[in-house]
N, C-alpha and C. Protein backbone atom coordinates (compact mmCIF):
# COMPACT_ATOMS: atom_id res chain seq x y z
N MET A 1 0.96 -1.36 0.05
CA MET A 1 0.18 -0.04 0.08
C MET A 1 0.91 1.20 0.16
N GLN A 2 0.41 2.41 -0.83
CA GLN A 2 1.21 3.41 -0.74
C GLN A 2 1.16 4.16 0.37
N HIS A 3 2.25 5.16 0.47
CA HIS A 3 2.39 5.92 1.71
C HIS A 3 1.13 6.47 2.24
N ASN A 4 0.63 7.03 3.36
CA ASN A 4 -0.59 7.55 3.59
C ASN A 4 -0.29 8.90 4.27
N ARG A 5 0.85 9.75 4.07
CA ARG A 5 0.52 11.06 4.39
C ARG A 5 -0.39 11.98 3.37
N CYS A 6 -0.58 12.99 3.42
CA CYS A 6 -1.31 14.04 2.92
C CYS A 6 -1.08 15.31 2.81
N SER A 7 0.08 15.57 3.06
CA SER A 7 0.95 17.01 3.24
C SER A 7 0.78 17.96 2.16
N ARG A 8 1.02 17.14 0.85
CA ARG A 8 1.13 18.05 -0.17
C ARG A 8 0.21 17.45 -1.34
N VAL A 9 -0.92 18.23 -1.58
CA VAL A 9 -2.06 17.90 -2.29
C VAL A 9 -2.19 18.52 -3.72
N LEU A 10 -2.17 17.53 -4.61
CA LEU A 10 -2.29 17.92 -6.15
C LEU A 10 -3.79 18.29 -6.58
N VAL A 11 -4.29 19.39 -6.59
CA VAL A 11 -5.57 19.72 -7.01
C VAL A 11 -5.75 19.86 -8.58
N ALA A 12 -6.65 18.57 -9.05
CA ALA A 12 -6.70 18.53 -10.32
C ALA A 12 -8.19 18.59 -10.89
N CYS A 13 -8.23 19.90 -11.91
CA CYS A 13 -9.52 20.40 -12.00
C CYS A 13 -9.76 20.71 -13.39
N GLN A 14 -10.77 20.03 -14.04
CA GLN A 14 -11.23 20.26 -15.25
C GLN A 14 -12.11 21.33 -15.02
N ASP A 15 -12.98 21.63 -14.33
CA ASP A 15 -14.05 22.48 -14.07
C ASP A 15 -13.41 23.31 -12.93
N PRO A 16 -13.11 24.87 -13.73
CA PRO A 16 -12.58 25.73 -12.78
C PRO A 16 -13.45 26.07 -11.41
N ALA A 17 -15.10 26.20 -11.77
CA ALA A 17 -15.91 26.52 -10.91
C ALA A 17 -16.05 25.39 -9.72
N ARG A 18 -15.19 24.29 -9.63
CA ARG A 18 -15.20 23.09 -8.79
C ARG A 18 -13.79 23.53 -7.89
N SER A 19 -12.90 24.06 -8.30
CA SER A 19 -11.95 24.17 -7.23
C SER A 19 -11.79 24.15 -5.87
N LEU A 20 -12.88 25.64 -5.78
CA LEU A 20 -12.58 25.51 -4.14
C LEU A 20 -13.56 24.41 -3.49
N THR A 21 -14.41 23.65 -4.27
CA THR A 21 -15.16 22.35 -3.49
C THR A 21 -14.10 21.53 -3.28
N VAL A 22 -13.29 21.28 -4.27
CA VAL A 22 -12.11 20.15 -4.33
C VAL A 22 -10.93 20.32 -3.22
N ILE A 23 -10.53 21.60 -3.19
CA ILE A 23 -9.61 22.12 -2.24
C ILE A 23 -10.22 21.91 -0.85
N ASN A 24 -11.41 22.39 -0.32
CA ASN A 24 -12.00 22.29 0.58
C ASN A 24 -12.14 20.84 1.12
N THR A 25 -12.74 19.90 0.12
CA THR A 25 -12.61 18.38 0.11
C THR A 25 -11.37 17.92 0.64
N ALA A 26 -10.13 18.36 0.07
CA ALA A 26 -8.76 17.52 0.16
C ALA A 26 -8.40 18.34 1.50
N ARG A 27 -8.63 19.22 1.90
CA ARG A 27 -8.27 19.95 3.06
C ARG A 27 -9.17 19.11 4.35
N ALA A 28 -10.34 18.56 4.01
CA ALA A 28 -10.62 17.68 5.17
C ALA A 28 -10.04 16.45 5.65
N LEU A 29 -9.23 16.13 4.63
CA LEU A 29 -8.24 14.88 4.75
C LEU A 29 -6.99 15.02 4.92
N ALA A 30 -6.26 16.32 4.43
CA ALA A 30 -4.97 16.55 4.32
C ALA A 30 -4.41 16.77 6.00
N ASP A 31 -2.97 16.60 6.19
CA ASP A 31 -2.48 17.06 7.42
C ASP A 31 -2.76 18.36 7.72
N ASP A 32 -2.56 18.88 8.77
CA ASP A 32 -2.56 20.05 9.29
C ASP A 32 -1.43 20.73 8.52
N ARG A 33 -1.76 22.17 8.04
CA ARG A 33 -0.82 23.04 7.38
C ARG A 33 -0.54 22.24 5.95
N GLY A 34 -1.23 21.43 5.69
CA GLY A 34 -1.32 20.60 3.99
C GLY A 34 -1.21 21.86 3.03
N ARG A 35 -0.22 21.59 1.98
CA ARG A 35 -0.05 22.73 0.91
C ARG A 35 -0.75 22.05 -0.32
N MET A 36 -1.61 22.92 -0.94
CA MET A 36 -2.12 22.47 -2.18
C MET A 36 -1.60 22.78 -3.35
N ILE A 37 -1.38 22.30 -4.24
CA ILE A 37 -0.67 22.51 -5.40
C ILE A 37 -1.69 22.28 -6.51
N VAL A 38 -2.10 23.46 -7.16
CA VAL A 38 -3.08 23.59 -7.98
C VAL A 38 -2.42 23.96 -9.48
N SER A 39 -2.27 22.64 -9.81
CA SER A 39 -1.37 22.58 -11.31
C SER A 39 -1.83 21.39 -12.03
N ASP A 40 -0.85 20.92 -12.97
CA ASP A 40 -1.24 19.75 -13.77
C ASP A 40 -0.23 18.88 -13.18
N PHE A 41 -0.54 17.55 -13.76
CA PHE A 41 0.29 16.18 -13.31
C PHE A 41 1.69 16.54 -13.14
N GLY A 42 2.23 17.28 -13.91
CA GLY A 42 3.81 17.55 -14.12
C GLY A 42 4.38 17.79 -12.79
N PHE A 43 3.78 18.07 -11.51
CA PHE A 43 3.68 18.49 -10.34
C PHE A 43 3.52 17.02 -9.31
N ALA A 44 3.15 16.07 -10.11
CA ALA A 44 2.65 14.71 -9.29
C ALA A 44 3.91 14.33 -8.37
N GLY A 45 5.14 14.67 -8.90
CA GLY A 45 6.35 13.87 -8.01
C GLY A 45 6.54 14.52 -6.83
N GLU A 46 5.75 15.78 -6.51
CA GLU A 46 5.97 16.86 -5.38
C GLU A 46 4.76 16.54 -4.44
N ALA A 47 3.91 15.30 -4.97
CA ALA A 47 2.58 15.41 -4.16
C ALA A 47 2.25 14.27 -3.37
N ASP A 48 1.61 14.03 -2.42
CA ASP A 48 0.95 12.75 -1.92
C ASP A 48 -0.07 12.23 -1.93
N LEU A 49 -0.97 13.12 -2.55
CA LEU A 49 -2.27 12.89 -2.87
C LEU A 49 -2.76 13.79 -3.98
N VAL A 50 -3.63 13.21 -4.84
CA VAL A 50 -4.30 13.72 -6.02
C VAL A 50 -6.10 14.03 -5.59
N ALA A 51 -6.33 15.55 -5.46
CA ALA A 51 -7.65 15.69 -5.35
C ALA A 51 -8.30 16.09 -6.74
N ALA A 52 -9.36 15.24 -6.98
CA ALA A 52 -9.93 15.56 -8.23
C ALA A 52 -11.54 16.18 -8.43
N ASP A 53 -11.96 16.68 -9.40
CA ASP A 53 -12.98 17.12 -9.38
C ASP A 53 -13.96 16.04 -10.02
N SER A 54 -13.69 15.21 -10.65
CA SER A 54 -14.69 14.00 -11.24
C SER A 54 -13.88 12.94 -11.28
N VAL A 55 -14.94 11.81 -11.73
CA VAL A 55 -14.41 10.44 -11.72
C VAL A 55 -13.63 10.53 -13.18
N ARG A 56 -13.93 11.15 -14.18
CA ARG A 56 -12.89 10.94 -15.25
C ARG A 56 -11.55 11.63 -14.82
N THR A 57 -11.59 12.99 -14.11
CA THR A 57 -10.25 13.35 -13.97
C THR A 57 -9.59 12.48 -12.94
N ALA A 58 -10.10 11.63 -12.02
CA ALA A 58 -9.68 10.74 -11.21
C ALA A 58 -8.98 9.59 -11.89
N TYR A 59 -9.77 9.40 -12.96
CA TYR A 59 -8.93 7.79 -13.64
C TYR A 59 -7.85 8.74 -14.44
N GLY A 60 -7.67 9.65 -14.87
CA GLY A 60 -6.60 10.04 -15.41
C GLY A 60 -5.74 10.27 -14.39
N ALA A 61 -6.07 10.61 -13.20
CA ALA A 61 -4.73 10.49 -12.35
C ALA A 61 -4.27 9.29 -11.92
N LEU A 62 -5.23 8.27 -11.82
CA LEU A 62 -4.51 6.77 -11.57
C LEU A 62 -3.82 6.38 -12.86
N ARG A 63 -4.18 7.04 -14.08
CA ARG A 63 -3.57 6.52 -15.33
C ARG A 63 -1.71 6.82 -15.00
N MET A 64 -1.87 8.16 -14.67
CA MET A 64 -0.80 9.12 -15.08
C MET A 64 0.29 9.00 -13.78
N THR A 65 -0.41 8.66 -12.70
CA THR A 65 0.65 8.79 -11.28
C THR A 65 0.43 7.41 -10.37
N ASP A 66 0.89 6.91 -9.48
CA ASP A 66 0.74 6.14 -8.62
C ASP A 66 0.48 6.69 -6.94
N LEU A 67 -0.27 7.80 -7.02
CA LEU A 67 -0.74 8.63 -6.02
C LEU A 67 -1.88 8.06 -5.61
N PRO A 68 -2.49 7.96 -4.29
CA PRO A 68 -4.00 7.73 -3.93
C PRO A 68 -4.78 9.22 -4.42
N VAL A 69 -6.07 8.66 -4.97
CA VAL A 69 -6.99 9.93 -5.37
C VAL A 69 -8.17 9.94 -4.40
N LEU A 70 -8.37 11.35 -4.33
CA LEU A 70 -9.78 11.78 -3.81
C LEU A 70 -10.52 12.32 -4.56
N ILE A 71 -11.92 11.81 -4.86
CA ILE A 71 -12.71 12.54 -5.78
C ILE A 71 -13.78 13.33 -4.97
N ALA A 72 -13.99 14.68 -5.06
CA ALA A 72 -14.98 15.47 -4.45
C ALA A 72 -16.25 14.99 -4.97
N ALA A 73 -17.31 15.01 -4.25
CA ALA A 73 -18.83 14.48 -4.47
C ALA A 73 -19.42 15.39 -5.80
N ARG A 74 -19.77 15.10 -6.43
CA ARG A 74 -20.67 15.80 -7.46
C ARG A 74 -21.88 16.60 -6.77
N GLY A 75 -21.93 17.76 -7.14
CA GLY A 75 -22.89 18.67 -7.00
C GLY A 75 -23.11 18.69 -5.41
N ARG A 76 -22.08 18.56 -4.48
CA ARG A 76 -22.15 18.73 -3.13
C ARG A 76 -20.57 19.49 -2.63
N THR A 77 -21.05 20.74 -2.00
CA THR A 77 -19.94 21.48 -1.48
C THR A 77 -19.52 20.98 0.05
N PHE A 78 -18.40 20.83 0.28
CA PHE A 78 -17.97 20.47 1.58
C PHE A 78 -18.31 21.76 2.52
N PRO A 79 -19.02 21.32 3.87
CA PRO A 79 -19.80 21.99 4.39
C PRO A 79 -19.06 23.44 5.00
N LEU A 80 -17.97 23.22 5.35
CA LEU A 80 -16.83 24.13 6.38
C LEU A 80 -15.68 24.31 5.81
N VAL A 81 -15.18 25.26 5.55
CA VAL A 81 -13.42 25.64 5.59
C VAL A 81 -12.78 25.04 6.95
N GLY A 82 -12.04 24.04 6.93
CA GLY A 82 -11.50 23.72 8.01
C GLY A 82 -11.95 22.40 8.91
N ALA A 83 -13.36 22.10 8.02
CA ALA A 83 -13.88 20.93 8.60
C ALA A 83 -13.06 19.51 8.32
N ARG A 84 -13.16 18.82 9.07
CA ARG A 84 -12.61 17.42 9.05
C ARG A 84 -13.85 16.10 8.68
N PHE A 85 -13.16 15.27 7.73
CA PHE A 85 -14.38 13.95 7.91
C PHE A 85 -14.32 13.18 9.07
N SER A 86 -15.54 12.87 9.41
CA SER A 86 -15.70 12.11 10.83
C SER A 86 -16.00 11.17 10.88
N ARG A 87 -16.28 9.98 9.88
CA ARG A 87 -16.52 8.64 9.85
C ARG A 87 -16.36 8.51 8.09
N ALA A 88 -15.63 7.14 8.17
CA ALA A 88 -15.46 6.78 6.81
C ALA A 88 -16.08 5.51 6.58
N LEU A 89 -16.63 5.10 5.45
CA LEU A 89 -17.13 3.87 5.08
C LEU A 89 -16.08 3.33 4.28
N VAL A 90 -15.45 2.16 4.67
CA VAL A 90 -14.21 1.70 4.28
C VAL A 90 -14.80 0.12 3.71
N VAL A 91 -14.90 -0.01 2.18
CA VAL A 91 -15.06 -1.04 1.25
C VAL A 91 -13.90 -2.15 1.29
N VAL A 92 -13.96 -3.45 1.78
CA VAL A 92 -13.06 -4.42 2.22
C VAL A 92 -13.64 -5.57 1.36
N ASP A 93 -12.52 -5.92 0.36
CA ASP A 93 -12.89 -7.47 -0.15
C ASP A 93 -12.09 -8.21 0.05
N ASP A 94 -11.20 -8.92 -0.34
CA ASP A 94 -10.45 -10.05 -0.16
C ASP A 94 -9.44 -9.92 1.30
N PHE A 95 -9.23 -11.00 1.94
CA PHE A 95 -8.50 -10.77 3.36
C PHE A 95 -7.37 -9.86 3.13
N SER A 96 -6.37 -10.27 2.17
CA SER A 96 -4.92 -9.31 2.14
C SER A 96 -5.43 -8.11 1.64
N PRO A 97 -6.04 -7.70 0.42
CA PRO A 97 -5.84 -6.66 0.23
C PRO A 97 -6.91 -5.51 1.04
N GLY A 98 -8.01 -6.54 1.74
CA GLY A 98 -8.79 -5.76 2.65
C GLY A 98 -8.13 -5.47 3.90
N ARG A 99 -7.28 -6.06 4.22
CA ARG A 99 -6.66 -5.76 5.49
C ARG A 99 -5.75 -4.40 5.26
N GLU A 100 -5.17 -4.53 4.10
CA GLU A 100 -4.30 -3.27 3.72
C GLU A 100 -5.07 -2.16 3.89
N THR A 101 -6.29 -2.08 3.04
CA THR A 101 -6.76 -1.02 2.86
C THR A 101 -7.52 -0.50 4.25
N LEU A 102 -7.97 -1.21 4.93
CA LEU A 102 -7.95 -0.89 6.38
C LEU A 102 -6.91 -0.17 7.10
N ARG A 103 -5.76 -0.87 7.16
CA ARG A 103 -4.68 -0.25 7.55
C ARG A 103 -4.14 1.08 7.15
N PHE A 104 -4.60 1.48 5.85
CA PHE A 104 -4.35 2.70 5.21
C PHE A 104 -5.51 3.57 5.96
N ALA A 105 -6.76 3.22 5.74
CA ALA A 105 -7.66 3.89 6.22
C ALA A 105 -7.46 4.42 7.67
N ASN A 106 -7.13 3.46 8.35
CA ASN A 106 -6.50 3.54 9.83
C ASN A 106 -5.66 4.52 9.93
N ALA A 107 -4.72 4.56 9.21
CA ALA A 107 -3.61 5.64 9.35
C ALA A 107 -4.08 7.04 8.88
N LEU A 108 -5.04 7.24 8.02
CA LEU A 108 -5.56 8.79 7.89
C LEU A 108 -6.47 8.89 8.93
N ALA A 109 -7.26 7.98 9.59
CA ALA A 109 -8.12 8.51 10.70
C ALA A 109 -7.33 8.74 12.07
N ASP A 110 -6.18 8.28 12.03
CA ASP A 110 -5.22 8.63 13.27
C ASP A 110 -4.93 10.18 12.99
N ARG A 111 -4.94 10.50 12.03
CA ARG A 111 -4.71 11.90 11.94
C ARG A 111 -5.45 13.22 12.05
N ASN A 112 -6.81 12.69 11.57
CA ASN A 112 -7.76 13.55 12.09
C ASN A 112 -9.11 13.13 12.95
N GLY A 113 -8.51 11.89 13.44
CA GLY A 113 -9.93 11.48 14.45
C GLY A 113 -11.41 10.71 13.88
N MET A 114 -11.28 10.60 12.65
CA MET A 114 -12.26 10.14 11.92
C MET A 114 -12.61 8.53 12.37
N ARG A 115 -13.63 8.10 12.51
CA ARG A 115 -14.08 6.77 12.87
C ARG A 115 -13.95 5.79 11.47
N LEU A 116 -14.10 4.52 11.60
CA LEU A 116 -14.29 3.82 10.38
C LEU A 116 -15.30 2.63 10.41
N VAL A 117 -16.15 2.82 9.15
CA VAL A 117 -17.05 1.78 9.29
C VAL A 117 -16.89 0.88 8.27
N PRO A 118 -16.07 -0.45 8.38
CA PRO A 118 -15.85 -1.52 7.43
C PRO A 118 -17.01 -2.14 6.98
N CYS A 119 -16.94 -2.38 5.36
CA CYS A 119 -18.13 -2.87 5.08
C CYS A 119 -17.69 -4.18 4.10
N ALA A 120 -18.56 -5.35 3.86
CA ALA A 120 -18.13 -6.31 3.09
C ALA A 120 -19.52 -6.48 2.18
N LEU A 121 -19.01 -6.74 1.09
CA LEU A 121 -20.44 -7.18 -0.18
C LEU A 121 -20.55 -8.47 -0.16
N ALA A 122 -21.73 -8.76 -0.03
CA ALA A 122 -22.13 -10.46 0.05
C ALA A 122 -22.28 -10.89 -1.15
N GLU A 123 -21.77 -12.13 -1.48
CA GLU A 123 -21.72 -12.64 -2.82
C GLU A 123 -23.18 -12.89 -3.27
N GLY A 124 -24.25 -13.42 -2.50
CA GLY A 124 -25.72 -13.88 -2.85
C GLY A 124 -26.18 -12.96 -1.77
N ARG A 125 -27.50 -13.21 -1.89
CA ARG A 125 -28.79 -12.57 -1.26
C ARG A 125 -29.17 -13.30 0.00
N ASP A 126 -28.68 -14.78 0.16
CA ASP A 126 -28.85 -15.49 1.00
C ASP A 126 -28.23 -15.36 2.38
N ARG A 127 -28.74 -15.98 3.53
CA ARG A 127 -28.26 -15.73 4.78
C ARG A 127 -26.90 -16.46 5.36
N GLU A 128 -26.82 -17.52 4.23
CA GLU A 128 -25.31 -18.01 4.40
C GLU A 128 -24.19 -17.37 3.74
N SER A 129 -24.82 -16.60 2.37
CA SER A 129 -23.73 -15.31 2.10
C SER A 129 -23.30 -14.41 2.92
N ALA A 130 -24.62 -13.86 3.63
CA ALA A 130 -24.27 -12.90 4.34
C ALA A 130 -23.27 -12.99 5.38
N ASP A 131 -23.64 -14.43 6.17
CA ASP A 131 -22.71 -14.74 7.24
C ASP A 131 -21.31 -14.93 7.11
N ALA A 132 -21.12 -15.41 5.61
CA ALA A 132 -19.79 -15.83 5.35
C ALA A 132 -18.74 -14.47 5.19
N ALA A 133 -19.76 -13.22 4.69
CA ALA A 133 -19.04 -12.21 4.45
C ALA A 133 -18.82 -11.32 5.77
N ALA A 134 -19.84 -11.69 6.68
CA ALA A 134 -19.55 -11.02 8.03
C ALA A 134 -18.64 -11.64 8.86
N ILE A 135 -18.38 -13.13 8.64
CA ILE A 135 -17.16 -13.60 9.13
C ILE A 135 -15.67 -13.27 8.68
N ALA A 136 -15.64 -13.30 7.18
CA ALA A 136 -14.65 -12.84 6.67
C ALA A 136 -14.08 -11.15 6.85
N LEU A 137 -15.21 -10.19 7.16
CA LEU A 137 -15.07 -9.02 7.41
C LEU A 137 -14.59 -8.96 9.00
N LEU A 138 -15.23 -9.70 9.75
CA LEU A 138 -14.61 -9.52 11.13
C LEU A 138 -13.16 -9.95 11.31
N GLU A 139 -12.73 -11.27 10.62
CA GLU A 139 -11.38 -11.60 10.62
C GLU A 139 -10.09 -10.62 10.10
N THR A 140 -10.71 -10.10 8.83
CA THR A 140 -9.89 -9.14 8.17
C THR A 140 -9.87 -7.66 9.19
N SER A 141 -10.66 -7.17 9.99
CA SER A 141 -10.79 -6.23 10.61
C SER A 141 -10.00 -6.34 12.00
N LEU A 142 -10.04 -7.59 12.56
CA LEU A 142 -9.02 -7.67 13.72
C LEU A 142 -7.60 -7.98 13.27
N ALA A 143 -7.44 -8.16 11.93
CA ALA A 143 -6.06 -8.09 11.36
C ALA A 143 -5.40 -7.19 11.11
N SER A 144 -6.12 -6.42 10.80
CA SER A 144 -5.69 -4.75 10.34
C SER A 144 -5.01 -4.05 11.14
N GLN A 145 -5.21 -4.02 12.39
CA GLN A 145 -4.85 -3.36 13.47
C GLN A 145 -5.37 -1.87 13.59
N ALA A 146 -6.72 -1.84 13.21
CA ALA A 146 -7.57 -0.68 13.19
C ALA A 146 -8.76 -0.89 14.27
N ALA A 147 -8.67 -1.70 15.17
CA ALA A 147 -9.92 -1.77 15.90
C ALA A 147 -10.25 -0.86 16.57
N HIS A 148 -9.32 0.00 17.04
CA HIS A 148 -9.56 1.20 18.17
C HIS A 148 -10.12 2.13 17.21
N ARG A 149 -10.22 2.08 16.15
CA ARG A 149 -10.92 3.10 14.96
C ARG A 149 -12.23 2.97 14.69
N ILE A 150 -12.46 1.55 14.54
CA ILE A 150 -13.74 0.93 14.11
C ILE A 150 -14.90 1.18 15.12
N GLU A 151 -15.94 1.39 14.30
CA GLU A 151 -17.16 2.03 15.05
C GLU A 151 -18.17 0.61 14.97
N GLN A 152 -18.30 0.32 13.99
CA GLN A 152 -19.19 -0.78 13.57
C GLN A 152 -18.77 -1.50 12.19
N LEU A 153 -19.46 -2.76 11.89
CA LEU A 153 -19.15 -3.40 10.73
C LEU A 153 -20.53 -3.79 10.24
N ALA A 154 -20.43 -3.67 8.69
CA ALA A 154 -21.62 -3.94 7.79
C ALA A 154 -21.40 -4.89 6.55
N VAL A 155 -22.24 -5.31 6.68
CA VAL A 155 -22.48 -6.61 5.50
C VAL A 155 -23.60 -6.01 4.43
N LEU A 156 -23.17 -5.83 3.15
CA LEU A 156 -24.16 -5.20 2.31
C LEU A 156 -24.44 -6.38 1.25
N VAL A 157 -25.85 -6.12 1.11
CA VAL A 157 -26.65 -7.23 0.16
C VAL A 157 -26.93 -6.48 -0.90
N GLY A 158 -27.26 -7.00 -2.24
CA GLY A 158 -27.89 -6.44 -3.09
C GLY A 158 -27.01 -5.70 -4.12
N ASP A 159 -27.63 -4.88 -4.81
CA ASP A 159 -26.81 -4.22 -5.65
C ASP A 159 -25.57 -3.14 -5.06
N PRO A 160 -24.53 -3.60 -5.35
CA PRO A 160 -23.09 -2.83 -4.62
C PRO A 160 -23.48 -1.32 -4.34
N ALA A 161 -23.22 -0.80 -5.71
CA ALA A 161 -23.27 0.67 -5.40
C ALA A 161 -24.55 1.45 -4.69
N ALA A 162 -25.49 0.74 -4.87
CA ALA A 162 -26.50 1.15 -4.17
C ALA A 162 -26.79 0.99 -2.76
N ALA A 163 -26.23 -0.39 -2.33
CA ALA A 163 -25.93 -0.68 -0.92
C ALA A 163 -24.97 0.19 -0.19
N VAL A 164 -23.93 0.58 -1.14
CA VAL A 164 -22.78 1.53 -0.29
C VAL A 164 -23.21 2.74 0.04
N ASN A 165 -24.20 3.47 -0.90
CA ASN A 165 -24.80 4.57 -0.82
C ASN A 165 -25.54 4.50 0.47
N VAL A 166 -26.37 3.86 0.75
CA VAL A 166 -27.44 3.45 1.64
C VAL A 166 -26.96 3.42 2.90
N ALA A 167 -25.60 2.30 2.69
CA ALA A 167 -24.95 1.97 4.30
C ALA A 167 -24.24 3.29 4.78
N ALA A 168 -23.73 4.04 3.46
CA ALA A 168 -23.22 5.56 4.24
C ALA A 168 -23.81 6.24 4.70
N ALA A 169 -25.18 6.36 4.26
CA ALA A 169 -26.29 7.46 4.99
C ALA A 169 -26.62 6.65 6.27
N HIS A 170 -26.75 5.51 6.27
CA HIS A 170 -27.25 4.82 7.48
C HIS A 170 -26.45 5.22 8.84
N HIS A 171 -24.94 5.04 8.21
CA HIS A 171 -23.88 5.04 9.23
C HIS A 171 -23.48 6.66 9.60
N ALA A 172 -24.03 7.68 8.86
CA ALA A 172 -23.60 8.93 8.72
C ALA A 172 -22.38 9.19 8.58
N CYS A 173 -21.91 8.45 7.40
CA CYS A 173 -20.69 8.50 6.83
C CYS A 173 -20.65 9.38 5.82
N ASP A 174 -19.18 10.16 5.86
CA ASP A 174 -19.24 11.18 4.78
C ASP A 174 -17.81 11.25 3.82
N LEU A 175 -17.29 9.97 3.81
CA LEU A 175 -16.39 9.41 2.88
C LEU A 175 -16.50 8.14 2.76
N ILE A 176 -15.93 7.57 1.61
CA ILE A 176 -16.07 6.41 1.15
C ILE A 176 -14.40 5.98 0.85
N VAL A 177 -14.14 4.91 1.10
CA VAL A 177 -12.76 4.44 0.89
C VAL A 177 -12.64 2.96 0.41
N VAL A 178 -12.14 3.05 -1.05
CA VAL A 178 -12.07 1.73 -1.78
C VAL A 178 -10.58 1.83 -2.22
N ALA A 179 -10.30 0.68 -2.89
CA ALA A 179 -8.92 0.34 -3.24
C ALA A 179 -8.74 -0.10 -4.31
N THR A 180 -7.75 0.02 -4.99
CA THR A 180 -7.02 -0.51 -6.25
C THR A 180 -5.60 -1.11 -6.11
N ASN A 181 -5.48 -2.19 -7.22
CA ASN A 181 -4.00 -2.77 -6.79
C ASN A 181 -3.42 -2.76 -8.14
N ALA A 182 -3.90 -1.98 -9.01
CA ALA A 182 -3.31 -1.99 -10.46
C ALA A 182 -2.14 -1.01 -10.28
N ASP A 183 -1.18 -1.54 -11.18
CA ASP A 183 0.24 -0.65 -11.23
C ASP A 183 0.34 0.08 -12.22
N ASP A 184 -0.39 0.01 -13.30
CA ASP A 184 -0.32 1.10 -14.38
C ASP A 184 -1.46 1.04 -15.34
N GLY A 185 -1.67 1.84 -16.20
CA GLY A 185 -2.71 2.07 -17.40
C GLY A 185 -4.07 2.01 -16.44
N PHE A 186 -4.91 2.04 -17.23
CA PHE A 186 -6.50 2.17 -16.54
C PHE A 186 -7.54 1.72 -17.38
N SER A 187 -8.42 0.69 -16.93
CA SER A 187 -9.65 0.33 -17.58
C SER A 187 -10.69 -0.25 -16.59
N ASN A 188 -11.57 -0.53 -16.88
CA ASN A 188 -12.48 -0.69 -15.57
C ASN A 188 -12.26 -2.11 -14.85
N ARG A 189 -11.32 -2.98 -15.48
CA ARG A 189 -10.67 -4.24 -14.85
C ARG A 189 -9.53 -3.61 -13.65
N MET A 190 -9.19 -2.35 -13.93
CA MET A 190 -7.93 -1.82 -13.08
C MET A 190 -8.56 -1.62 -11.65
N LEU A 191 -9.76 -1.14 -11.44
CA LEU A 191 -10.73 -1.36 -9.98
C LEU A 191 -11.59 -2.44 -9.84
N GLY A 192 -11.83 -3.06 -10.95
CA GLY A 192 -12.80 -4.32 -11.22
C GLY A 192 -14.28 -3.54 -11.02
N ARG A 193 -15.02 -4.38 -11.88
CA ARG A 193 -16.65 -3.97 -11.84
C ARG A 193 -17.24 -2.95 -11.04
N ILE A 194 -17.38 -3.94 -9.79
CA ILE A 194 -17.95 -3.35 -8.75
C ILE A 194 -17.35 -2.25 -8.20
N ALA A 195 -16.24 -2.09 -8.05
CA ALA A 195 -15.79 -0.57 -7.53
C ALA A 195 -15.83 0.38 -8.31
N ASP A 196 -15.66 0.23 -9.87
CA ASP A 196 -15.75 0.86 -10.61
C ASP A 196 -17.43 1.65 -10.46
N SER A 197 -18.34 0.70 -10.33
CA SER A 197 -19.59 1.34 -10.21
C SER A 197 -19.95 2.15 -8.82
N ILE A 198 -19.30 1.35 -7.81
CA ILE A 198 -19.49 2.52 -6.46
C ILE A 198 -18.68 3.76 -6.64
N ILE A 199 -17.77 3.75 -7.26
CA ILE A 199 -17.12 5.21 -7.54
C ILE A 199 -18.07 6.02 -8.22
N ARG A 200 -18.22 5.64 -9.15
CA ARG A 200 -19.16 6.38 -10.49
C ARG A 200 -20.51 6.86 -9.63
N ARG A 201 -21.08 6.22 -8.92
CA ARG A 201 -22.44 6.28 -8.42
C ARG A 201 -22.50 6.78 -7.03
N ALA A 202 -21.02 6.94 -6.34
CA ALA A 202 -21.23 7.49 -4.99
C ALA A 202 -21.73 8.84 -4.90
N ARG A 203 -22.35 9.14 -3.57
CA ARG A 203 -23.07 10.47 -3.33
C ARG A 203 -21.98 11.12 -2.41
N LEU A 204 -21.03 10.35 -2.07
CA LEU A 204 -19.89 11.00 -1.00
C LEU A 204 -18.82 11.15 -1.73
N PRO A 205 -17.75 11.94 -1.26
CA PRO A 205 -16.15 12.05 -1.90
C PRO A 205 -15.77 10.64 -1.56
N VAL A 206 -14.88 10.07 -2.58
CA VAL A 206 -14.39 8.87 -2.47
C VAL A 206 -12.87 8.83 -2.44
N PHE A 207 -12.29 8.17 -1.37
CA PHE A 207 -10.64 8.10 -1.41
C PHE A 207 -10.20 6.72 -2.18
N ILE A 208 -9.75 6.59 -3.17
CA ILE A 208 -8.95 5.68 -3.71
C ILE A 208 -7.79 5.40 -3.42
N ALA A 209 -7.31 4.19 -2.57
CA ALA A 209 -6.25 4.17 -2.15
C ALA A 209 -5.49 2.96 -3.21
N ARG A 210 -4.25 3.39 -3.17
CA ARG A 210 -3.51 2.47 -4.05
C ARG A 210 -2.60 1.41 -3.27
N ALA A 211 -2.69 0.13 -3.89
CA ALA A 211 -1.91 -1.13 -3.40
C ALA A 211 -0.53 -1.16 -3.71
């Protein structure tokens, strides 16, 4: 998993009207006194994080850099300058990458005090699938060394993107965390079909961690 500092943020905006929203969203996650670099990807080597104004811009950043990416929510202005994210819904997949995603989210949370709500997607709609997902999620969470930040665990059933939005609202989350283990290039296979759907349909800012 990539470093988890957010002291230098590359602000990538195709829409100038969205710049302030993207900057405020990034500052809600960035280190105290974090520096915003409003420029093109030529300055990516100086940054720890890319803050993007859209999914399209974010996917360009994933293709051009190895940095984690934060996507500001569409049509939503982060409420206050100086505000911090308070609770993140962390989408956990298989044990090993899921554990690393949680560790990454925990490191972010340790800086700004936000709580974590790890969630797993049940493969089927039956009780057996939900129980299996719950057991795997619990094992992953216990192995992540993030227990002191975990507030609740959630198992999601049904359409993944819709379920993530419902769970985020139910648990009063203001950030969604997903991960990709791609090394270069971009396609829907990079994140996986489910993660791609979650990112495109998210109603909240999305943090994409890099494995």
